[in-house]
Amino acid sequence: MIHWKMYNFRFQHDDTIYTFDSETSSYWVKADGTVTAYDPSISNDEYNNELKAGAVVYIWMIGINDTIIYGRELDELPACLAEIKRHAEGTPVIYIHNASYDFQFLRSVLDIREVFSRLIRKPMKFTANDCEFRCSYMLTRLSLETWGESLEYQKQVGKLDYTKLRSPLTDLTEDEMTYCEYDLLVMYAGLKKFREHYEEVKNIPLTQTGEVRRPVRDMFKKNMGYLKKITSLQPKTVNEYKRLRAVFAGGETHANRKYSTKILHDLGSFDKTSDYPYQMCAERFPMSRFAATTKDLRFLKPDTYAYIIEIVLNNIKVKTSNTYISRSHCQAVKKGKYDNGRILSAEMAAMCITEQDWMTIKEMYEIESYEVVAVFRSRKQYLPKQFIEYILELYGRKTTLKDVDGKEELYMQSKQFLNSLFGMSVTDIILPDISFKCGDWSKKEVTEEDVQNKLDDLQSHFFKNFLAYQWGVWVTAYARRELMQAVIHCDADEAYHDTDSCKVLNWRQYKEEYFDKQNQIMDEKLRKMCEYYSIDFDLTRPLKPNKKPAPLGYWDFEGYYESFKTLGAKKYAYINLYNENGTIKDKNKFIHVTVSGVPKKQAAELLPDLESFADGFTFDREKCGRKLLTYLDGTNQQVKLPDGYKVHHAYAANMRNNSYTLGLTDEYAAVIQEVNESKGILS
């Protein structure tokens, strides 16, 4: 059956599920011309400075539904695509998992035309040889191993040694061929479910955020009054847009300098339940255009208005164990002293902040004086009722279906959709133009004229607008404020916080006197919203499969750690997490490690004890799971491999194992030393 999609011309898509994958070998060329596979005995310095990198595709596969076609020479691929196109009912849509990697090899043999990408080297979609290629990783945001866990096919983990040098001449074992086959079968099984949901392959969104964007857009597409209202909220001028971009900040993650590098015991961990969805339901958001107002900050009405404040602070100094103002979020800082990127003191700091940030800054810093450059305000109101009801519906499904046999797919979809709602609302409305032309990637920086043209386009096409960017800005602002209120309250005992979690000593005291009381406040806020919209309050506290309620936004007690140590943001390790009643959550005594960029399992296996989790500790290159990727743009080493195969493609991507060394900057180490010597807050 041929499916037609109407543009200004007819364009047809084949509804067969096509998938593509390849396996590659990386190699290195020594100064004497010798070609070697990856060798653990060669140092990083030698790899970086003395050897020339190369790579070759030794097998490629195309899946036509669950039938797999194999090819050994990449040069054979165009003929295979031509044959598929000849038999296809329209334009084949071919999915590649992690297309950014395979694209680098495919560009050597395919006639690549239109490329859609938001980042250089990260194509989401491209056309080549009369076929359309899409990236399935952008759709799922899951590794093939994770994607396959709930499917009829599962990835064959560990059956392929990537350090072995292979070529199209290499005989492959049955296990190696099965490994190649199952990568495509996992994709087929997963994409088949997407096709069932969206009815046709061409209807499947490009991204995970695009999945949730459709039902939200459909929710409002016939409500002309709503669409015009949202259009009126969009920034109309370049300066309005710049202010919104300047005031946006993400999640708050930091370690208390007083406890950094120390081993702590009996540390309690409190986590917010679906924090961003809670903020979207419970709080009020900017619902009118921002307009200039009085610069006198004594007259702010944060319950009624959202504020954008352009301010210069003079002679500031932190008065708590924790810090808040980020150096990177300031337009200018003079004579600043920093706590791992956060301002301890400064002669001057200029920034653009929300009223939520201002309340936190006043509580945490001594400020000699300040100059308000400008203040803009917007009247607050709850998000649209239909939108809140959809959030509660997703939260309810996620809660009630967790760990329920046969409902894994619906649970995962609800969880992903719920997580994507915030990302969808805060997606930048103006993005740079990323292009791939004549074999080169380029990024065209956005000019003020480009910004104004885009803003004018949004005003003239109101049907494109169904969410307001400023809503996402205030979601994180509210979440940061709520988190920092907890941090400030527990300041002397708070050790580490990250977006929606807070880890504190003396947790039993704080659980009763603070976190439990905050949960009552969460209920009150949600109840007010429900009364305003006539929504059943019970929808904010659905029942888990064990019939216990899971109130939205609550500070849940995750448990307490036997031992815990942090070296700063996104760097911590612990031994054993216990429930409140003292029963262990872990099956065995085990070190858990969270370090950005290092797989948790491998990191934990390599760390002998918490004392070793320190400045200078290196996670072994051969075991920690990190990879170093080098793109070879026309510089692929075209040599004869040891088995006689002649590499002749100029484009490739070389990959090898890479180590990771824990480190403290000199600046941060000095701050920690000063705290240790003063035995308290910095003077």
Foldseek 3Di string as FASTA:
>chain_A
DWDWDDDVDTATEFQWAKEKDFAKAKWKAFPVRAIGFDDQVDDPCCVVPGIDIFMATQKMWMDGQLDIDIDGHLLCVLVVLVVCCVPTNGAYEYEYAQVLAVVLVNVLRWDWDDFDDQDPSRTQWTDTSSHIYGHVCQAPVDDQQVLQPPFPAHQPPPQDDRRDHDHNVDDDDPSRVVNNSRSVNSVSRNVVVQCVVQVGSVRRDSHLLVVLVVVLLVVCLVPVVLLLQLLQQADQALVLLVLLVLAFDFFDWKFQLLFAPHKDFFKWKWFWFLQLLLCLQQAWFFRHHWDWDDLPPVPDDVNWKKKKWWKKFAWKAWDFSDFDAFPVSWPDFAPFADAQRGTRTGRMTTHIYIPLVVVLCVLTMDTPDMDTPTMIIGTIDRDDPVVSVLLLVLVQQLFACPPPPPCVVVNVSSVSSNVSPLVSLQPRLDGWDWGQPPLDIDTDDQDSVNVNVSSVVCSVCSSVGSHHNRVSRVSRSVQNSVVSVLCSVQRVFWTIDIRGMTIGPPVVVCVVPPQVVVQVVSLVSNVVSCVVVVHDSCSQWHAHNVRGTDHHGGTDTPFTFRIKHANIGQWIKTWWGAHPVGHTPDPDTWIFTGHPQWDGVQVRVQDPDSNLSDAFRKRDQVGRPHKDKDWQRQCRDQAQHPVGDTRDGRTRIHMGTDMDGDHDPPSNVVVSVQCVVVVHHHD
